[in-house]
Amino acid sequence: MIGKALGMWGLLAMASFGDVEARMVRIRGWHAAMDEGKAVSVRTLHQDYQRGRYSVTATHREFDQGLSSVTLELMEGKHGGYTFHYYYKKGELFLLYVVSESWHFSGGEGETEKISGSRKEDRYYYEDGTCIRQMSRSLAREGPTELASELAMMEQKSMKPDEFAKFYADQAKALLRVRSHEDLHEFVDGDSIDF
């Protein structure tokens, strides 16, 4: 009896896993259509903060079939920053790709400068405003290196959506309303971003 019950739960879990996989295939199809397609309109807004120490760039792209994307770049000079790639279908977030990269420089005057860097990539897959899957990978290295190409060779790990998944979904809605420099300034100065 217990074996049958456990077998049934196993089948349900596999069906649920398969359902998430099927939804991810659909989401990847929408993303591929945007990657391979040409945007019908592009709008870019840029602002510097704290005398150019930080910069924020938002690029909004519209595609056919109700698809759109917003790329939000938050940079701290040569020390790295964050890039958020939001993907929407009919105004609903379906995918978020977050890249965080940081560089540290050390060494006194007359010494050889030492460089260390780290890069993390997270992909959040959404359906009906809820994150259904998160994939992640990260890498840290000493010395000058091309972290992006090294990390691209690494496998992504599937994980339970972290505490940022809901915050990012809310941020995605607010970001769609950014249409002017004033909107971008309000978005940055509001609760959406913290330098």
C-alpha atoms as a PDB file:
ATOM      1  CA  MET A   1       0.000   0.000   0.000  1.00  0.00           C
ATOM      2  CA  ILE A   2       2.768   2.449   0.970  1.00  0.00           C
ATOM      3  CA  GLY A   3       4.695   1.476  -2.158  1.00  0.00           C
ATOM      4  CA  LYS A   4       1.665   2.305  -4.336  1.00  0.00           C
ATOM      5  CA  ALA A   5       1.224   5.656  -2.570  1.00  0.00           C
ATOM      6  CA  LEU A   6       4.902   6.521  -2.977  1.00  0.00           C
ATOM      7  CA  GLY A   7       4.738   5.430  -6.608  1.00  0.00           C
ATOM      8  CA  MET A   8       1.765   7.732  -7.180  1.00  0.00           C
ATOM      9  CA  TRP A   9       3.606  10.680  -5.573  1.00  0.00           C
ATOM     10  CA  GLY A  10       6.610   9.917  -7.749  1.00  0.00           C
ATOM     11  CA  LEU A  11       4.448   9.982 -10.879  1.00  0.00           C
ATOM     12  CA  LEU A  12       2.883  13.269  -9.799  1.00  0.00           C
ATOM     13  CA  ALA A  13       6.321  14.758  -9.131  1.00  0.00           C
ATOM     14  CA  MET A  14       7.563  13.593 -12.539  1.00  0.00           C
ATOM     15  CA  ALA A  15       4.449  14.999 -14.230  1.00  0.00           C
ATOM     16  CA  SER A  16       4.974  18.298 -12.438  1.00  0.00           C
ATOM     17  CA  PHE A  17       8.655  18.337 -13.435  1.00  0.00           C
ATOM     18  CA  GLY A  18       7.685  17.574 -17.028  1.00  0.00           C
ATOM     19  CA  ASP A  19       5.092  20.344 -16.947  1.00  0.00           C
ATOM     20  CA  VAL A  20       7.703  22.881 -15.813  1.00  0.00           C
ATOM     21  CA  GLU A  21      10.073  21.629 -18.517  1.00  0.00           C
ATOM     22  CA  ALA A  22       7.343  22.031 -21.160  1.00  0.00           C
ATOM     23  CA  ARG A  23       6.662  25.592 -19.972  1.00  0.00           C
ATOM     24  CA  MET A  24      10.382  26.371 -20.083  1.00  0.00           C
ATOM     25  CA  VAL A  25      10.570  25.120 -23.682  1.00  0.00           C
ATOM     26  CA  ARG A  26       7.750  27.544 -24.584  1.00  0.00           C
ATOM     27  CA  ILE A  27       9.532  30.398 -22.758  1.00  0.00           C
ATOM     28  CA  ARG A  28      12.814  29.608 -24.530  1.00  0.00           C
ATOM     29  CA  GLY A  29      10.922  29.692 -27.838  1.00  0.00           C
ATOM     30  CA  TRP A  30       9.695  33.243 -27.152  1.00  0.00           C
ATOM     31  CA  HIS A  31      13.215  34.273 -26.161  1.00  0.00           C
ATOM     32  CA  ALA A  32      14.671  32.725 -29.341  1.00  0.00           C
ATOM     33  CA  ALA A  33      12.114  34.606 -31.468  1.00  0.00           C
ATOM     34  CA  MET A  34      13.366  37.865 -29.953  1.00  0.00           C
ATOM     35  CA  ASP A  35      17.033  36.876 -30.209  1.00  0.00           C
ATOM     36  CA  GLU A  36      16.670  35.993 -33.875  1.00  0.00           C
ATOM     37  CA  GLY A  37      14.210  38.773 -34.738  1.00  0.00           C
ATOM     38  CA  LYS A  38      14.618  42.473 -35.346  1.00  0.00           C
ATOM     39  CA  ALA A  39      13.141  44.993 -32.943  1.00  0.00           C
ATOM     40  CA  VAL A  40      10.493  47.228 -34.525  1.00  0.00           C
ATOM     41  CA  SER A  41      11.400  50.024 -32.087  1.00  0.00           C
ATOM     42  CA  VAL A  42      14.254  50.791 -29.685  1.00  0.00           C
ATOM     43  CA  ARG A  43      14.363  53.497 -27.006  1.00  0.00           C
ATOM     44  CA  THR A  44      17.406  54.106 -24.771  1.00  0.00           C
ATOM     45  CA  LEU A  45      17.655  56.302 -21.678  1.00  0.00           C
ATOM     46  CA  HIS A  46      20.911  56.987 -19.819  1.00  0.00           C
ATOM     47  CA  GLN A  47      21.765  58.860 -16.631  1.00  0.00           C
ATOM     48  CA  ASP A  48      24.898  59.339 -14.546  1.00  0.00           C
ATOM     49  CA  TYR A  49      24.761  59.543 -10.754  1.00  0.00           C
ATOM     50  CA  GLN A  50      27.132  60.803  -8.072  1.00  0.00           C
ATOM     51  CA  ARG A  51      29.240  62.789 -10.561  1.00  0.00           C
ATOM     52  CA  GLY A  52      29.556  59.894 -12.963  1.00  0.00           C
ATOM     53  CA  ARG A  53      30.587  57.320 -10.392  1.00  0.00           C
ATOM     54  CA  TYR A  54      27.508  55.270 -11.292  1.00  0.00           C
ATOM     55  CA  SER A  55      25.566  55.067 -14.526  1.00  0.00           C
ATOM     56  CA  VAL A  56      22.150  53.665 -15.376  1.00  0.00           C
ATOM     57  CA  THR A  57      21.041  52.759 -18.895  1.00  0.00           C
ATOM     58  CA  ALA A  58      17.607  51.398 -19.804  1.00  0.00           C
ATOM     59  CA  THR A  59      17.000  50.094 -23.339  1.00  0.00           C
ATOM     60  CA  HIS A  60      13.427  49.155 -24.276  1.00  0.00           C
ATOM     61  CA  ARG A  61      12.859  47.052 -27.415  1.00  0.00           C
ATOM     62  CA  GLU A  62       9.532  46.173 -29.038  1.00  0.00           C
ATOM     63  CA  PHE A  63       9.170  43.122 -31.279  1.00  0.00           C
ATOM     64  CA  ASP A  64       6.318  41.590 -33.269  1.00  0.00           C
ATOM     65  CA  GLN A  65       3.754  39.260 -31.639  1.00  0.00           C
ATOM     66  CA  GLY A  66       3.520  41.297 -28.412  1.00  0.00           C
ATOM     67  CA  LEU A  67       7.102  40.537 -27.407  1.00  0.00           C
ATOM     68  CA  SER A  68       9.320  43.169 -25.766  1.00  0.00           C
ATOM     69  CA  SER A  69      12.447  43.461 -23.666  1.00  0.00           C
ATOM     70  CA  VAL A  70      14.082  45.936 -21.326  1.00  0.00           C
ATOM     71  CA  THR A  71      17.799  45.841 -20.590  1.00  0.00           C
ATOM     72  CA  LEU A  72      18.771  47.712 -17.439  1.00  0.00           C
ATOM     73  CA  GLU A  73      22.484  48.319 -16.859  1.00  0.00           C
ATOM     74  CA  LEU A  74      23.770  49.584 -13.510  1.00  0.00           C
ATOM     75  CA  MET A  75      27.509  50.231 -13.756  1.00  0.00           C
ATOM     76  CA  GLU A  76      30.156  51.361 -11.290  1.00  0.00           C
ATOM     77  CA  GLY A  77      32.969  52.436 -13.588  1.00  0.00           C
ATOM     78  CA  LYS A  78      35.630  49.776 -14.137  1.00  0.00           C
ATOM     79  CA  HIS A  79      34.587  47.910 -10.980  1.00  0.00           C
ATOM     80  CA  GLY A  80      31.661  46.145 -12.634  1.00  0.00           C
ATOM     81  CA  GLY A  81      27.939  46.279 -12.156  1.00  0.00           C
ATOM     82  CA  TYR A  82      24.679  44.550 -12.934  1.00  0.00           C
ATOM     83  CA  THR A  83      22.857  43.934 -16.189  1.00  0.00           C
ATOM     84  CA  PHE A  84      19.214  42.860 -16.049  1.00  0.00           C
ATOM     85  CA  HIS A  85      17.564  41.519 -19.222  1.00  0.00           C
ATOM     86  CA  TYR A  86      13.769  41.473 -18.801  1.00  0.00           C
ATOM     87  CA  TYR A  87      11.682  39.665 -21.431  1.00  0.00           C
ATOM     88  CA  TYR A  88       7.924  40.174 -21.778  1.00  0.00           C
ATOM     89  CA  LYS A  89       5.018  38.785 -23.768  1.00  0.00           C
ATOM     90  CA  LYS A  90       2.034  41.145 -23.897  1.00  0.00           C
ATOM     91  CA  GLY A  91       3.435  43.041 -20.905  1.00  0.00           C
ATOM     92  CA  GLU A  92       3.898  39.930 -18.729  1.00  0.00           C
ATOM     93  CA  LEU A  93       7.396  38.984 -17.591  1.00  0.00           C
ATOM     94  CA  PHE A  94       8.409  35.510 -18.770  1.00  0.00           C
ATOM     95  CA  LEU A  95      12.213  35.537 -18.407  1.00  0.00           C
ATOM     96  CA  LEU A  96      14.815  37.528 -16.513  1.00  0.00           C
ATOM     97  CA  TYR A  97      18.533  37.094 -17.083  1.00  0.00           C
ATOM     98  CA  VAL A  98      20.702  38.813 -14.434  1.00  0.00           C
ATOM     99  CA  VAL A  99      24.465  39.230 -14.803  1.00  0.00           C
ATOM    100  CA  SER A 100      26.541  40.613 -11.946  1.00  0.00           C
ATOM    101  CA  GLU A 101      30.223  41.205 -12.444  1.00  0.00           C
ATOM    102  CA  SER A 102      32.763  42.807 -10.124  1.00  0.00           C
ATOM    103  CA  TRP A 103      36.458  43.590 -10.412  1.00  0.00           C
ATOM    104  CA  HIS A 104      38.880  44.357  -7.595  1.00  0.00           C
ATOM    105  CA  PHE A 105      42.246  46.023  -8.101  1.00  0.00           C
ATOM    106  CA  SER A 106      44.970  45.923  -5.455  1.00  0.00           C
ATOM    107  CA  GLY A 107      48.639  46.747  -5.161  1.00  0.00           C
ATOM    108  CA  GLY A 108      50.461  49.769  -3.848  1.00  0.00           C
ATOM    109  CA  GLU A 109      52.491  52.337  -5.726  1.00  0.00           C
ATOM    110  CA  GLY A 110      55.369  50.692  -7.537  1.00  0.00           C
ATOM    111  CA  GLU A 111      53.795  47.237  -7.133  1.00  0.00           C
ATOM    112  CA  THR A 112      52.257  45.152  -9.849  1.00  0.00           C
ATOM    113  CA  GLU A 113      48.513  45.643  -9.822  1.00  0.00           C
ATOM    114  CA  LYS A 114      46.622  42.509  -8.849  1.00  0.00           C
ATOM    115  CA  ILE A 115      43.229  41.903 -10.391  1.00  0.00           C
ATOM    116  CA  SER A 116      40.482  39.580  -9.231  1.00  0.00           C
ATOM    117  CA  GLY A 117      37.014  39.265 -10.658  1.00  0.00           C
ATOM    118  CA  SER A 118      33.753  37.429 -10.214  1.00  0.00           C
ATOM    119  CA  ARG A 119      30.721  36.892 -12.420  1.00  0.00           C
ATOM    120  CA  LYS A 120      27.338  35.404 -11.613  1.00  0.00           C
ATOM    121  CA  GLU A 121      24.486  34.660 -14.003  1.00  0.00           C
ATOM    122  CA  ASP A 122      20.935  33.894 -12.915  1.00  0.00           C
ATOM    123  CA  ARG A 123      17.986  33.051 -15.139  1.00  0.00           C
ATOM    124  CA  TYR A 124      14.494  33.303 -13.707  1.00  0.00           C
ATOM    125  CA  TYR A 125      11.618  31.723 -15.647  1.00  0.00           C
ATOM    126  CA  TYR A 126       8.162  33.179 -14.925  1.00  0.00           C
ATOM    127  CA  GLU A 127       4.590  32.206 -15.627  1.00  0.00           C
ATOM    128  CA  ASP A 128       1.607  34.285 -14.493  1.00  0.00           C
ATOM    129  CA  GLY A 129       3.881  36.449 -12.319  1.00  0.00           C
ATOM    130  CA  THR A 130       5.374  33.481 -10.446  1.00  0.00           C
ATOM    131  CA  CYS A 131       8.924  32.214 -10.831  1.00  0.00           C
ATOM    132  CA  ILE A 132       8.720  28.562 -11.881  1.00  0.00           C
ATOM    133  CA  ARG A 133      12.476  27.883 -12.164  1.00  0.00           C
ATOM    134  CA  GLN A 134      15.810  29.540 -11.468  1.00  0.00           C
ATOM    135  CA  MET A 135      19.071  28.538 -13.125  1.00  0.00           C
ATOM    136  CA  SER A 136      22.402  29.836 -11.827  1.00  0.00           C
ATOM    137  CA  ARG A 137      26.155  29.666 -12.368  1.00  0.00           C
ATOM    138  CA  SER A 138      29.093  31.683 -11.047  1.00  0.00           C
ATOM    139  CA  LEU A 139      32.859  31.978 -11.305  1.00  0.00           C
ATOM    140  CA  ALA A 140      35.652  33.879  -9.518  1.00  0.00           C
ATOM    141  CA  ARG A 141      39.227  34.191 -10.797  1.00  0.00           C
ATOM    142  CA  GLU A 142      42.513  35.900  -9.966  1.00  0.00           C
ATOM    143  CA  GLY A 143      44.245  37.814 -12.733  1.00  0.00           C
ATOM    144  CA  PRO A 144      42.901  39.366 -15.914  1.00  0.00           C
ATOM    145  CA  THR A 145      40.529  36.927 -17.530  1.00  0.00           C
ATOM    146  CA  GLU A 146      37.462  36.797 -19.740  1.00  0.00           C
ATOM    147  CA  LEU A 147      34.938  35.597 -17.184  1.00  0.00           C
ATOM    148  CA  ALA A 148      31.953  35.642 -19.557  1.00  0.00           C
ATOM    149  CA  SER A 149      33.443  33.137 -22.014  1.00  0.00           C
ATOM    150  CA  GLU A 150      34.726  30.880 -19.217  1.00  0.00           C
ATOM    151  CA  LEU A 151      31.379  30.930 -17.455  1.00  0.00           C
ATOM    152  CA  ALA A 152      29.521  30.184 -20.692  1.00  0.00           C
ATOM    153  CA  MET A 153      31.262  26.791 -20.737  1.00  0.00           C
ATOM    154  CA  MET A 154      29.956  25.903 -17.277  1.00  0.00           C
ATOM    155  CA  GLU A 155      26.700  24.091 -16.619  1.00  0.00           C
ATOM    156  CA  GLN A 156      23.807  25.986 -15.075  1.00  0.00           C
ATOM    157  CA  LYS A 157      22.404  24.614 -11.848  1.00  0.00           C
ATOM    158  CA  SER A 158      18.670  24.416 -11.345  1.00  0.00           C
ATOM    159  CA  MET A 159      17.613  25.698  -7.971  1.00  0.00           C
ATOM    160  CA  LYS A 160      14.602  26.762  -5.960  1.00  0.00           C
ATOM    161  CA  PRO A 161      13.813  30.414  -6.789  1.00  0.00           C
ATOM    162  CA  ASP A 162      15.623  32.693  -4.339  1.00  0.00           C
ATOM    163  CA  GLU A 163      14.249  35.622  -2.345  1.00  0.00           C
ATOM    164  CA  PHE A 164      14.868  38.021  -5.254  1.00  0.00           C
ATOM    165  CA  ALA A 165      12.472  36.298  -7.688  1.00  0.00           C
ATOM    166  CA  LYS A 166       9.384  38.178  -6.421  1.00  0.00           C
ATOM    167  CA  PHE A 167      11.265  41.483  -6.082  1.00  0.00           C
ATOM    168  CA  TYR A 168      12.459  41.199  -9.693  1.00  0.00           C
ATOM    169  CA  ALA A 169       8.923  40.464 -10.919  1.00  0.00           C
ATOM    170  CA  ASP A 170       7.681  43.626  -9.180  1.00  0.00           C
ATOM    171  CA  GLN A 171      10.645  45.590 -10.538  1.00  0.00           C
ATOM    172  CA  ALA A 172       9.798  44.343 -14.050  1.00  0.00           C
ATOM    173  CA  LYS A 173       6.317  45.898 -13.848  1.00  0.00           C
ATOM    174  CA  ALA A 174       7.726  49.241 -12.671  1.00  0.00           C
ATOM    175  CA  LEU A 175      10.378  49.196 -15.390  1.00  0.00           C
ATOM    176  CA  LEU A 176       7.750  48.964 -18.141  1.00  0.00           C
ATOM    177  CA  ARG A 177       6.464  52.382 -17.012  1.00  0.00           C
ATOM    178  CA  VAL A 178       9.857  54.049 -17.556  1.00  0.00           C
ATOM    179  CA  ARG A 179       9.378  56.218 -20.660  1.00  0.00           C
ATOM    180  CA  SER A 180      11.452  59.340 -19.934  1.00  0.00           C
ATOM    181  CA  HIS A 181      14.559  60.496 -18.077  1.00  0.00           C
ATOM    182  CA  GLU A 182      12.277  61.685 -15.270  1.00  0.00           C
ATOM    183  CA  ASP A 183      10.730  58.199 -15.048  1.00  0.00           C
ATOM    184  CA  LEU A 184      14.195  56.616 -14.975  1.00  0.00           C
ATOM    185  CA  HIS A 185      15.311  59.014 -12.243  1.00  0.00           C
ATOM    186  CA  GLU A 186      12.185  58.182 -10.207  1.00  0.00           C
ATOM    187  CA  PHE A 187      12.739  54.451 -10.772  1.00  0.00           C
ATOM    188  CA  VAL A 188      16.362  54.685  -9.571  1.00  0.00           C
ATOM    189  CA  ASP A 189      15.583  56.933  -6.595  1.00  0.00           C
ATOM    190  CA  GLY A 190      12.552  54.868  -5.552  1.00  0.00           C
ATOM    191  CA  ASP A 191      12.553  51.471  -3.892  1.00  0.00           C
ATOM    192  CA  SER A 192      13.524  49.687  -7.116  1.00  0.00           C
ATOM    193  CA  ILE A 193      17.299  50.217  -6.984  1.00  0.00           C
ATOM    194  CA  ASP A 194      19.798  50.766  -4.199  1.00  0.00           C
ATOM    195  CA  PHE A 195      23.374  51.783  -5.056  1.00  0.00           C
END
